[in-house]
Amino acid sequence: MLILKDTMRQAYEAAGYEITESQLDERYEQMMSEWEELALTKLSELTNKVVAQTGRSLVDAMTRDQLLRLSNQIAADEIRKLWLDPLTQEAIEAELKEHEENPPSLQVLNSPDLWMTQWHYLSSDSATWDLACELWPDAPTRWLSLASALMQVYEHQYKLYPGYKYSKLLPEFEAKIEHAMTLQKPPGTAA
């Protein structure tokens, strides 16, 4: 059987179910019993098909071994569809719901630090981008993206950020951006 008990546990947990060890044991045993029954049925069907095609009353040992492996795989696939696929679908739906209710951009805006590594989730075509370009016209794109992201976070969190070239907030703000520049870039982004 290709489905392990730990795989079943993970599927229940990912779908948001709390399951005791005894419940898991009971469900796993039921699933294994269904798998064994289905594998035997498939083996019988496959054997009968080969016998009908070859005209022999028995199959040789090598063919029986191949049919046994094939019937086990077919049964495992069907059991996976019956037992695990619905749990996987529930987990995906729960994750999508969480993503809709708390999208990555909102997570970044609400965090004091996520903007440093996940700035790419925030909008780059905003007023903060224009302000960053105005304040630091010679800065590289990534630096401007980080500056824009930090401004968006500050704005969302009702904090003050530099709004003109001679603001007293510039040194501290620039230091935070310089620190963020030392961190790993998100995959697939330009420098």
N, C-alpha and C. Protein backbone atom coordinates (compact mmCIF):
# COMPACT_ATOMS: atom_id res chain seq x y z
N MET A 1 0.86 -1.18 0.00
CA MET A 1 0.00 0.00 0.00
C MET A 1 0.90 1.23 0.00
N LEU A 2 0.62 2.16 -0.85
CA LEU A 2 1.46 3.32 -1.01
C LEU A 2 1.08 4.48 -0.09
N ILE A 3 -0.03 4.36 0.61
CA ILE A 3 -0.47 5.44 1.49
C ILE A 3 -0.07 5.10 2.93
N LEU A 4 0.74 5.95 3.51
CA LEU A 4 1.20 5.73 4.88
C LEU A 4 0.25 6.38 5.87
N LYS A 5 0.25 5.89 7.10
CA LYS A 5 -0.61 6.47 8.13
C LYS A 5 -0.25 7.93 8.38
N ASP A 6 1.04 8.24 8.33
CA ASP A 6 1.46 9.62 8.55
C ASP A 6 0.94 10.55 7.43
N THR A 7 0.85 10.02 6.21
CA THR A 7 0.28 10.80 5.11
C THR A 7 -1.18 11.13 5.39
N MET A 8 -1.89 10.15 5.92
CA MET A 8 -3.30 10.35 6.27
C MET A 8 -3.42 11.38 7.39
N ARG A 9 -2.55 11.28 8.39
CA ARG A 9 -2.57 12.25 9.50
C ARG A 9 -2.34 13.66 8.96
N GLN A 10 -1.35 13.82 8.11
CA GLN A 10 -1.05 15.13 7.54
C GLN A 10 -2.22 15.67 6.72
N ALA A 11 -2.91 14.80 6.01
CA ALA A 11 -4.06 15.23 5.20
C ALA A 11 -5.17 15.75 6.11
N TYR A 12 -5.44 15.05 7.21
CA TYR A 12 -6.46 15.51 8.15
C TYR A 12 -6.06 16.84 8.78
N GLU A 13 -4.80 16.94 9.18
CA GLU A 13 -4.33 18.19 9.81
C GLU A 13 -4.38 19.36 8.83
N ALA A 14 -3.97 19.12 7.59
CA ALA A 14 -3.98 20.19 6.58
C ALA A 14 -5.40 20.65 6.29
N ALA A 15 -6.36 19.73 6.39
CA ALA A 15 -7.77 20.09 6.16
C ALA A 15 -8.40 20.75 7.38
N GLY A 16 -7.64 20.82 8.49
CA GLY A 16 -8.12 21.51 9.68
C GLY A 16 -8.86 20.61 10.67
N TYR A 17 -8.72 19.31 10.53
CA TYR A 17 -9.38 18.39 11.44
C TYR A 17 -8.45 18.00 12.58
N GLU A 18 -9.01 17.96 13.77
CA GLU A 18 -8.28 17.40 14.90
C GLU A 18 -8.66 15.94 14.98
N ILE A 19 -7.67 15.09 14.99
CA ILE A 19 -7.95 13.65 14.98
C ILE A 19 -7.07 12.99 16.04
N THR A 20 -7.69 12.17 16.86
CA THR A 20 -6.93 11.46 17.88
C THR A 20 -6.19 10.29 17.24
N GLU A 21 -5.24 9.77 17.97
CA GLU A 21 -4.47 8.63 17.45
C GLU A 21 -5.37 7.42 17.24
N SER A 22 -6.31 7.21 18.14
CA SER A 22 -7.20 6.05 17.99
C SER A 22 -8.15 6.24 16.80
N GLN A 23 -8.63 7.46 16.59
CA GLN A 23 -9.46 7.73 15.40
C GLN A 23 -8.66 7.51 14.13
N LEU A 24 -7.43 7.98 14.14
CA LEU A 24 -6.57 7.80 12.98
C LEU A 24 -6.32 6.32 12.71
N ASP A 25 -6.03 5.57 13.79
CA ASP A 25 -5.81 4.12 13.64
C ASP A 25 -7.04 3.45 13.03
N GLU A 26 -8.21 3.81 13.54
CA GLU A 26 -9.45 3.20 13.06
C GLU A 26 -9.69 3.53 11.57
N ARG A 27 -9.52 4.77 11.21
CA ARG A 27 -9.73 5.17 9.81
C ARG A 27 -8.69 4.57 8.89
N TYR A 28 -7.46 4.50 9.38
CA TYR A 28 -6.40 3.92 8.56
C TYR A 28 -6.65 2.44 8.33
N GLU A 29 -7.05 1.73 9.38
CA GLU A 29 -7.37 0.30 9.23
C GLU A 29 -8.53 0.10 8.26
N GLN A 30 -9.55 0.96 8.34
CA GLN A 30 -10.68 0.87 7.42
C GLN A 30 -10.21 1.13 5.98
N MET A 31 -9.37 2.13 5.81
CA MET A 31 -8.85 2.44 4.48
C MET A 31 -8.03 1.27 3.95
N MET A 32 -7.16 0.69 4.79
CA MET A 32 -6.34 -0.44 4.37
C MET A 32 -7.19 -1.65 4.01
N SER A 33 -8.24 -1.86 4.78
CA SER A 33 -9.15 -2.98 4.49
C SER A 33 -9.82 -2.77 3.13
N GLU A 34 -10.27 -1.55 2.86
CA GLU A 34 -10.87 -1.25 1.56
C GLU A 34 -9.85 -1.43 0.44
N TRP A 35 -8.61 -1.02 0.72
CA TRP A 35 -7.57 -1.16 -0.30
C TRP A 35 -7.31 -2.64 -0.61
N GLU A 36 -7.19 -3.46 0.43
CA GLU A 36 -6.93 -4.89 0.21
C GLU A 36 -8.05 -5.53 -0.59
N GLU A 37 -9.28 -5.21 -0.23
CA GLU A 37 -10.44 -5.77 -0.93
C GLU A 37 -10.44 -5.32 -2.40
N LEU A 38 -10.18 -4.06 -2.62
CA LEU A 38 -10.16 -3.53 -3.98
C LEU A 38 -9.00 -4.11 -4.79
N ALA A 39 -7.84 -4.26 -4.16
CA ALA A 39 -6.68 -4.83 -4.85
C ALA A 39 -6.96 -6.27 -5.27
N LEU A 40 -7.59 -7.05 -4.40
CA LEU A 40 -7.94 -8.43 -4.76
C LEU A 40 -8.95 -8.48 -5.91
N THR A 41 -9.93 -7.58 -5.87
CA THR A 41 -10.93 -7.52 -6.94
C THR A 41 -10.26 -7.15 -8.26
N LYS A 42 -9.38 -6.15 -8.23
CA LYS A 42 -8.67 -5.72 -9.44
C LYS A 42 -7.77 -6.84 -9.96
N LEU A 43 -7.09 -7.57 -9.05
CA LEU A 43 -6.22 -8.67 -9.45
C LEU A 43 -7.05 -9.75 -10.16
N SER A 44 -8.19 -10.05 -9.61
CA SER A 44 -9.07 -11.05 -10.22
C SER A 44 -9.53 -10.59 -11.60
N GLU A 45 -9.93 -9.33 -11.72
CA GLU A 45 -10.37 -8.79 -13.01
C GLU A 45 -9.25 -8.83 -14.04
N LEU A 46 -8.06 -8.39 -13.64
CA LEU A 46 -6.92 -8.38 -14.56
C LEU A 46 -6.51 -9.79 -14.97
N THR A 47 -6.52 -10.71 -14.00
CA THR A 47 -6.16 -12.10 -14.29
C THR A 47 -7.16 -12.70 -15.28
N ASN A 48 -8.44 -12.48 -15.03
CA ASN A 48 -9.47 -13.00 -15.94
C ASN A 48 -9.32 -12.41 -17.34
N LYS A 49 -8.94 -11.17 -17.42
CA LYS A 49 -8.75 -10.52 -18.72
C LYS A 49 -7.57 -11.16 -19.47
N VAL A 50 -6.45 -11.39 -18.76
CA VAL A 50 -5.29 -12.03 -19.39
C VAL A 50 -5.62 -13.46 -19.82
N VAL A 51 -6.32 -14.19 -18.96
CA VAL A 51 -6.72 -15.56 -19.28
C VAL A 51 -7.60 -15.56 -20.53
N ALA A 52 -8.52 -14.63 -20.62
CA ALA A 52 -9.41 -14.55 -21.78
C ALA A 52 -8.64 -14.19 -23.05
N GLN A 53 -7.65 -13.32 -22.91
CA GLN A 53 -6.87 -12.90 -24.08
C GLN A 53 -5.91 -13.99 -24.56
N THR A 54 -5.33 -14.74 -23.62
CA THR A 54 -4.33 -15.75 -24.00
C THR A 54 -4.95 -17.11 -24.25
N GLY A 55 -6.12 -17.35 -23.72
CA GLY A 55 -6.74 -18.66 -23.87
C GLY A 55 -6.20 -19.71 -22.92
N ARG A 56 -5.28 -19.33 -22.05
CA ARG A 56 -4.72 -20.26 -21.06
C ARG A 56 -5.60 -20.25 -19.81
N SER A 57 -5.57 -21.32 -19.08
CA SER A 57 -6.37 -21.39 -17.86
C SER A 57 -5.68 -20.75 -16.66
N LEU A 58 -4.35 -20.57 -16.74
CA LEU A 58 -3.57 -19.97 -15.67
C LEU A 58 -2.60 -18.95 -16.25
N VAL A 59 -2.13 -18.06 -15.39
CA VAL A 59 -1.09 -17.11 -15.81
C VAL A 59 0.22 -17.55 -15.16
N ASP A 60 1.33 -17.28 -15.84
CA ASP A 60 2.63 -17.65 -15.29
C ASP A 60 2.99 -16.74 -14.11
N ALA A 61 4.00 -17.11 -13.38
CA ALA A 61 4.40 -16.40 -12.16
C ALA A 61 4.82 -14.95 -12.44
N MET A 62 5.55 -14.74 -13.52
CA MET A 62 6.00 -13.38 -13.84
C MET A 62 4.81 -12.47 -14.18
N THR A 63 3.87 -13.00 -14.96
CA THR A 63 2.68 -12.22 -15.32
C THR A 63 1.84 -11.95 -14.08
N ARG A 64 1.71 -12.97 -13.20
CA ARG A 64 0.94 -12.78 -11.97
C ARG A 64 1.58 -11.70 -11.10
N ASP A 65 2.91 -11.68 -11.02
CA ASP A 65 3.61 -10.65 -10.24
C ASP A 65 3.32 -9.26 -10.81
N GLN A 66 3.37 -9.14 -12.13
CA GLN A 66 3.07 -7.85 -12.77
C GLN A 66 1.62 -7.44 -12.53
N LEU A 67 0.71 -8.39 -12.62
CA LEU A 67 -0.71 -8.09 -12.38
C LEU A 67 -0.95 -7.70 -10.92
N LEU A 68 -0.22 -8.36 -10.02
CA LEU A 68 -0.35 -8.04 -8.60
C LEU A 68 0.10 -6.60 -8.34
N ARG A 69 1.25 -6.21 -8.91
CA ARG A 69 1.74 -4.84 -8.73
C ARG A 69 0.76 -3.84 -9.35
N LEU A 70 0.26 -4.16 -10.54
CA LEU A 70 -0.69 -3.26 -11.21
C LEU A 70 -1.98 -3.13 -10.43
N SER A 71 -2.51 -4.24 -9.93
CA SER A 71 -3.76 -4.18 -9.15
C SER A 71 -3.56 -3.40 -7.86
N ASN A 72 -2.39 -3.55 -7.22
CA ASN A 72 -2.09 -2.78 -6.01
C ASN A 72 -2.05 -1.28 -6.30
N GLN A 73 -1.43 -0.92 -7.43
CA GLN A 73 -1.33 0.49 -7.80
C GLN A 73 -2.70 1.07 -8.14
N ILE A 74 -3.49 0.34 -8.90
CA ILE A 74 -4.84 0.80 -9.25
C ILE A 74 -5.67 1.00 -7.99
N ALA A 75 -5.59 0.04 -7.07
CA ALA A 75 -6.35 0.14 -5.82
C ALA A 75 -5.86 1.33 -5.00
N ALA A 76 -4.56 1.51 -4.93
CA ALA A 76 -4.01 2.64 -4.16
C ALA A 76 -4.48 3.97 -4.75
N ASP A 77 -4.49 4.08 -6.08
CA ASP A 77 -4.96 5.31 -6.72
C ASP A 77 -6.43 5.57 -6.41
N GLU A 78 -7.24 4.52 -6.46
CA GLU A 78 -8.67 4.70 -6.18
C GLU A 78 -8.92 5.04 -4.70
N ILE A 79 -8.19 4.39 -3.82
CA ILE A 79 -8.33 4.67 -2.39
C ILE A 79 -7.87 6.10 -2.10
N ARG A 80 -6.79 6.52 -2.73
CA ARG A 80 -6.31 7.90 -2.56
C ARG A 80 -7.40 8.88 -2.98
N LYS A 81 -8.06 8.60 -4.10
CA LYS A 81 -9.14 9.48 -4.57
C LYS A 81 -10.30 9.51 -3.57
N LEU A 82 -10.60 8.37 -2.98
CA LEU A 82 -11.72 8.29 -2.04
C LEU A 82 -11.40 8.90 -0.67
N TRP A 83 -10.19 8.63 -0.17
CA TRP A 83 -9.87 9.01 1.20
C TRP A 83 -9.07 10.31 1.32
N LEU A 84 -8.09 10.51 0.46
CA LEU A 84 -7.20 11.65 0.65
C LEU A 84 -7.55 12.85 -0.22
N ASP A 85 -8.00 12.62 -1.44
CA ASP A 85 -8.30 13.75 -2.32
C ASP A 85 -9.35 14.71 -1.73
N PRO A 86 -10.42 14.21 -1.11
CA PRO A 86 -11.37 15.16 -0.49
C PRO A 86 -10.72 16.00 0.62
N LEU A 87 -9.83 15.39 1.40
CA LEU A 87 -9.13 16.14 2.45
C LEU A 87 -8.20 17.18 1.84
N THR A 88 -7.52 16.79 0.77
CA THR A 88 -6.63 17.72 0.08
C THR A 88 -7.42 18.90 -0.47
N GLN A 89 -8.59 18.61 -1.04
CA GLN A 89 -9.43 19.67 -1.58
C GLN A 89 -9.90 20.62 -0.46
N GLU A 90 -10.25 20.06 0.68
CA GLU A 90 -10.64 20.90 1.82
C GLU A 90 -9.48 21.78 2.28
N ALA A 91 -8.28 21.21 2.30
CA ALA A 91 -7.10 21.98 2.71
C ALA A 91 -6.84 23.12 1.73
N ILE A 92 -6.99 22.85 0.45
CA ILE A 92 -6.78 23.89 -0.57
C ILE A 92 -7.81 24.99 -0.42
N GLU A 93 -9.07 24.61 -0.22
CA GLU A 93 -10.14 25.60 -0.05
C GLU A 93 -9.92 26.44 1.21
N ALA A 94 -9.47 25.80 2.28
CA ALA A 94 -9.20 26.54 3.52
C ALA A 94 -8.05 27.52 3.32
N GLU A 95 -7.03 27.09 2.58
CA GLU A 95 -5.89 27.97 2.32
C GLU A 95 -6.31 29.14 1.43
N LEU A 96 -7.14 28.86 0.43
CA LEU A 96 -7.63 29.94 -0.44
C LEU A 96 -8.47 30.94 0.35
N LYS A 97 -9.31 30.43 1.25
CA LYS A 97 -10.13 31.31 2.07
C LYS A 97 -9.25 32.19 2.96
N GLU A 98 -8.24 31.57 3.57
CA GLU A 98 -7.29 32.32 4.41
C GLU A 98 -6.57 33.37 3.58
N HIS A 99 -6.20 32.99 2.37
CA HIS A 99 -5.50 33.90 1.47
C HIS A 99 -6.39 35.09 1.10
N GLU A 100 -7.69 34.82 0.89
CA GLU A 100 -8.63 35.89 0.56
C GLU A 100 -8.86 36.81 1.76
N GLU A 101 -8.98 36.21 2.94
CA GLU A 101 -9.25 36.99 4.14
C GLU A 101 -8.02 37.73 4.66
N ASN A 102 -6.87 37.17 4.41
CA ASN A 102 -5.63 37.78 4.90
C ASN A 102 -4.56 37.65 3.81
N PRO A 103 -4.71 38.41 2.72
CA PRO A 103 -3.77 38.29 1.60
C PRO A 103 -2.35 38.68 2.01
N PRO A 104 -1.35 38.20 1.26
CA PRO A 104 0.04 38.51 1.60
C PRO A 104 0.29 40.02 1.70
N SER A 105 -0.34 40.80 0.83
CA SER A 105 -0.11 42.25 0.88
C SER A 105 -0.56 42.82 2.22
N LEU A 106 -1.68 42.34 2.74
CA LEU A 106 -2.17 42.83 4.03
C LEU A 106 -1.27 42.34 5.16
N GLN A 107 -0.75 41.12 5.04
CA GLN A 107 0.18 40.61 6.04
C GLN A 107 1.42 41.50 6.10
N VAL A 108 1.92 41.90 4.92
CA VAL A 108 3.10 42.77 4.87
C VAL A 108 2.79 44.12 5.48
N LEU A 109 1.63 44.68 5.14
CA LEU A 109 1.26 45.99 5.66
C LEU A 109 1.09 46.00 7.17
N ASN A 110 0.64 44.90 7.73
CA ASN A 110 0.39 44.84 9.17
C ASN A 110 1.63 44.46 9.98
N SER A 111 2.67 44.02 9.32
CA SER A 111 3.89 43.59 10.02
C SER A 111 4.92 44.71 10.07
N PRO A 112 5.71 44.75 11.12
CA PRO A 112 6.78 45.76 11.16
C PRO A 112 7.99 45.37 10.30
N ASP A 113 8.14 44.09 9.96
CA ASP A 113 9.36 43.63 9.30
C ASP A 113 9.19 42.95 7.94
N LEU A 114 8.01 42.45 7.60
CA LEU A 114 7.86 41.69 6.37
C LEU A 114 8.19 42.48 5.10
N TRP A 115 8.05 43.79 5.16
CA TRP A 115 8.34 44.61 3.98
C TRP A 115 9.78 44.44 3.51
N MET A 116 10.67 44.06 4.43
CA MET A 116 12.10 43.92 4.08
C MET A 116 12.35 42.77 3.12
N THR A 117 11.59 41.71 3.24
CA THR A 117 11.82 40.54 2.39
C THR A 117 10.65 40.23 1.47
N GLN A 118 9.49 40.80 1.76
CA GLN A 118 8.31 40.49 0.95
C GLN A 118 7.68 41.75 0.35
N TRP A 119 8.50 42.73 0.10
CA TRP A 119 8.05 44.00 -0.47
C TRP A 119 7.38 43.81 -1.82
N HIS A 120 7.70 42.74 -2.53
CA HIS A 120 7.13 42.49 -3.86
C HIS A 120 5.63 42.23 -3.81
N TYR A 121 5.06 41.98 -2.64
CA TYR A 121 3.61 41.80 -2.53
C TYR A 121 2.85 43.14 -2.55
N LEU A 122 3.55 44.22 -2.34
CA LEU A 122 2.91 45.53 -2.30
C LEU A 122 2.92 46.18 -3.67
N SER A 123 1.99 47.08 -3.88
CA SER A 123 1.85 47.78 -5.15
C SER A 123 3.06 48.67 -5.41
N SER A 124 3.57 48.63 -6.64
CA SER A 124 4.71 49.50 -6.98
C SER A 124 4.25 50.72 -7.77
N ASP A 125 3.01 50.74 -8.20
CA ASP A 125 2.52 51.90 -8.97
C ASP A 125 1.64 52.78 -8.08
N SER A 126 2.21 53.21 -6.98
CA SER A 126 1.46 54.01 -6.03
C SER A 126 2.13 55.36 -5.83
N ALA A 127 1.48 56.18 -5.08
CA ALA A 127 2.02 57.50 -4.77
C ALA A 127 3.35 57.39 -4.01
N THR A 128 3.50 56.31 -3.24
CA THR A 128 4.75 56.14 -2.50
C THR A 128 5.91 55.85 -3.45
N TRP A 129 5.64 55.16 -4.55
CA TRP A 129 6.68 54.91 -5.55
C TRP A 129 7.14 56.25 -6.15
N ASP A 130 6.17 57.09 -6.50
CA ASP A 130 6.51 58.40 -7.07
C ASP A 130 7.32 59.24 -6.08
N LEU A 131 6.91 59.18 -4.80
CA LEU A 131 7.63 59.94 -3.78
C LEU A 131 9.05 59.39 -3.61
N ALA A 132 9.19 58.06 -3.62
CA ALA A 132 10.52 57.46 -3.48
C ALA A 132 11.42 57.89 -4.65
N CYS A 133 10.87 57.90 -5.84
CA CYS A 133 11.65 58.33 -7.02
C CYS A 133 12.04 59.81 -6.92
N GLU A 134 11.17 60.59 -6.32
CA GLU A 134 11.45 62.02 -6.14
C GLU A 134 12.53 62.24 -5.08
N LEU A 135 12.45 61.50 -3.97
CA LEU A 135 13.40 61.66 -2.87
C LEU A 135 14.78 61.08 -3.20
N TRP A 136 14.81 59.98 -3.94
CA TRP A 136 16.07 59.30 -4.26
C TRP A 136 16.15 59.03 -5.77
N PRO A 137 16.31 60.06 -6.57
CA PRO A 137 16.26 59.90 -8.03
C PRO A 137 17.37 59.01 -8.60
N ASP A 138 18.47 58.86 -7.89
CA ASP A 138 19.58 58.06 -8.41
C ASP A 138 19.65 56.65 -7.80
N ALA A 139 18.68 56.31 -6.98
CA ALA A 139 18.71 55.00 -6.30
C ALA A 139 18.33 53.88 -7.27
N PRO A 140 18.88 52.68 -7.04
CA PRO A 140 18.51 51.53 -7.88
C PRO A 140 17.05 51.13 -7.65
N THR A 141 16.52 50.39 -8.59
CA THR A 141 15.10 50.00 -8.56
C THR A 141 14.73 49.26 -7.28
N ARG A 142 15.56 48.32 -6.86
CA ARG A 142 15.24 47.55 -5.65
C ARG A 142 15.19 48.47 -4.43
N TRP A 143 16.11 49.42 -4.35
CA TRP A 143 16.12 50.36 -3.24
C TRP A 143 14.83 51.17 -3.23
N LEU A 144 14.42 51.63 -4.41
CA LEU A 144 13.18 52.41 -4.52
C LEU A 144 11.96 51.55 -4.16
N SER A 145 12.00 50.29 -4.57
CA SER A 145 10.90 49.38 -4.22
C SER A 145 10.79 49.20 -2.71
N LEU A 146 11.93 49.04 -2.06
CA LEU A 146 11.94 48.90 -0.60
C LEU A 146 11.47 50.20 0.08
N ALA A 147 11.91 51.33 -0.43
CA ALA A 147 11.48 52.61 0.13
C ALA A 147 9.97 52.78 -0.01
N SER A 148 9.46 52.46 -1.19
CA SER A 148 8.02 52.55 -1.43
C SER A 148 7.26 51.61 -0.51
N ALA A 149 7.76 50.39 -0.35
CA ALA A 149 7.11 49.41 0.53
C ALA A 149 7.09 49.90 1.97
N LEU A 150 8.24 50.42 2.44
CA LEU A 150 8.29 50.91 3.82
C LEU A 150 7.33 52.09 4.01
N MET A 151 7.24 52.97 3.02
CA MET A 151 6.28 54.08 3.11
C MET A 151 4.85 53.56 3.18
N GLN A 152 4.55 52.55 2.39
CA GLN A 152 3.20 51.98 2.42
C GLN A 152 2.88 51.36 3.77
N VAL A 153 3.86 50.66 4.34
CA VAL A 153 3.68 50.06 5.66
C VAL A 153 3.46 51.16 6.70
N TYR A 154 4.30 52.18 6.66
CA TYR A 154 4.15 53.29 7.61
C TYR A 154 2.79 53.97 7.44
N GLU A 155 2.39 54.17 6.22
CA GLU A 155 1.10 54.82 5.97
C GLU A 155 -0.03 53.95 6.52
N HIS A 156 0.04 52.66 6.27
CA HIS A 156 -1.00 51.74 6.75
C HIS A 156 -1.03 51.69 8.27
N GLN A 157 0.13 51.83 8.90
CA GLN A 157 0.23 51.75 10.36
C GLN A 157 0.19 53.14 11.02
N TYR A 158 -0.15 54.15 10.24
CA TYR A 158 -0.29 55.53 10.74
C TYR A 158 1.00 56.06 11.36
N LYS A 159 2.12 55.73 10.72
CA LYS A 159 3.42 56.24 11.18
C LYS A 159 3.90 57.29 10.19
N LEU A 160 4.71 58.20 10.69
CA LEU A 160 5.26 59.25 9.83
C LEU A 160 6.43 58.72 9.00
N TYR A 161 6.53 59.20 7.77
CA TYR A 161 7.67 58.87 6.91
C TYR A 161 8.05 60.13 6.14
N PRO A 162 9.27 60.19 5.61
CA PRO A 162 9.73 61.41 4.94
C PRO A 162 8.85 61.74 3.73
N GLY A 163 8.49 63.00 3.63
CA GLY A 163 7.67 63.44 2.51
C GLY A 163 8.35 64.48 1.64
N TYR A 164 9.58 64.87 2.02
CA TYR A 164 10.33 65.86 1.22
C TYR A 164 11.82 65.64 1.47
N LYS A 165 12.66 66.23 0.63
CA LYS A 165 14.11 65.97 0.62
C LYS A 165 14.84 66.30 1.93
N TYR A 166 14.37 67.23 2.69
CA TYR A 166 15.10 67.66 3.89
C TYR A 166 14.41 67.24 5.19
N SER A 167 13.60 66.22 5.11
CA SER A 167 12.88 65.73 6.28
C SER A 167 13.85 65.18 7.32
N LYS A 168 13.54 65.41 8.60
CA LYS A 168 14.35 64.88 9.69
C LYS A 168 14.23 63.35 9.77
N LEU A 169 13.21 62.81 9.13
CA LEU A 169 12.97 61.37 9.19
C LEU A 169 13.86 60.59 8.20
N LEU A 170 14.51 61.29 7.28
CA LEU A 170 15.30 60.63 6.24
C LEU A 170 16.41 59.71 6.77
N PRO A 171 17.27 60.14 7.70
CA PRO A 171 18.38 59.26 8.11
C PRO A 171 17.92 57.90 8.66
N GLU A 172 16.95 57.92 9.56
CA GLU A 172 16.46 56.67 10.14
C GLU A 172 15.78 55.82 9.08
N PHE A 173 15.01 56.45 8.22
CA PHE A 173 14.29 55.77 7.15
C PHE A 173 15.28 55.11 6.18
N GLU A 174 16.30 55.86 5.78
CA GLU A 174 17.32 55.34 4.86
C GLU A 174 18.11 54.19 5.49
N ALA A 175 18.36 54.28 6.77
CA ALA A 175 19.08 53.21 7.47
C ALA A 175 18.29 51.90 7.41
N LYS A 176 16.97 51.99 7.58
CA LYS A 176 16.13 50.80 7.51
C LYS A 176 16.17 50.20 6.11
N ILE A 177 16.15 51.05 5.10
CA ILE A 177 16.19 50.55 3.72
C ILE A 177 17.55 49.92 3.44
N GLU A 178 18.61 50.55 3.89
CA GLU A 178 19.95 49.98 3.69
C GLU A 178 20.06 48.61 4.35
N HIS A 179 19.48 48.47 5.55
CA HIS A 179 19.48 47.17 6.22
C HIS A 179 18.71 46.15 5.38
N ALA A 180 17.56 46.53 4.88
CA ALA A 180 16.74 45.62 4.06
C ALA A 180 17.48 45.21 2.79
N MET A 181 18.30 46.09 2.26
CA MET A 181 19.07 45.78 1.04
C MET A 181 20.06 44.64 1.29
N THR A 182 20.47 44.45 2.53
CA THR A 182 21.44 43.40 2.83
C THR A 182 20.78 42.03 2.93
N LEU A 183 19.45 42.00 3.02
CA LEU A 183 18.73 40.73 3.15
C LEU A 183 18.55 40.09 1.79
N GLN A 184 18.23 38.82 1.80
CA GLN A 184 18.06 38.06 0.56
C GLN A 184 16.91 38.63 -0.27
N LYS A 185 17.13 38.71 -1.57
CA LYS A 185 16.11 39.20 -2.50
C LYS A 185 15.05 38.09 -2.70
N PRO A 186 13.78 38.49 -2.92
CA PRO A 186 12.76 37.50 -3.24
C PRO A 186 13.06 36.83 -4.58
N PRO A 187 12.72 35.56 -4.75
CA PRO A 187 13.01 34.87 -6.01
C PRO A 187 12.28 35.55 -7.18
N GLY A 188 12.95 35.60 -8.30
CA GLY A 188 12.33 36.12 -9.52
C GLY A 188 12.27 37.63 -9.58
N THR A 189 13.00 38.33 -8.72
CA THR A 189 12.96 39.79 -8.75
C THR A 189 14.30 40.33 -9.22
N ALA A 190 14.24 41.49 -9.82
CA ALA A 190 15.48 42.14 -10.30
C ALA A 190 16.10 42.96 -9.19
N ALA A 191 17.37 43.18 -9.30
CA ALA A 191 18.08 43.98 -8.30
C ALA A 191 17.77 45.45 -8.45
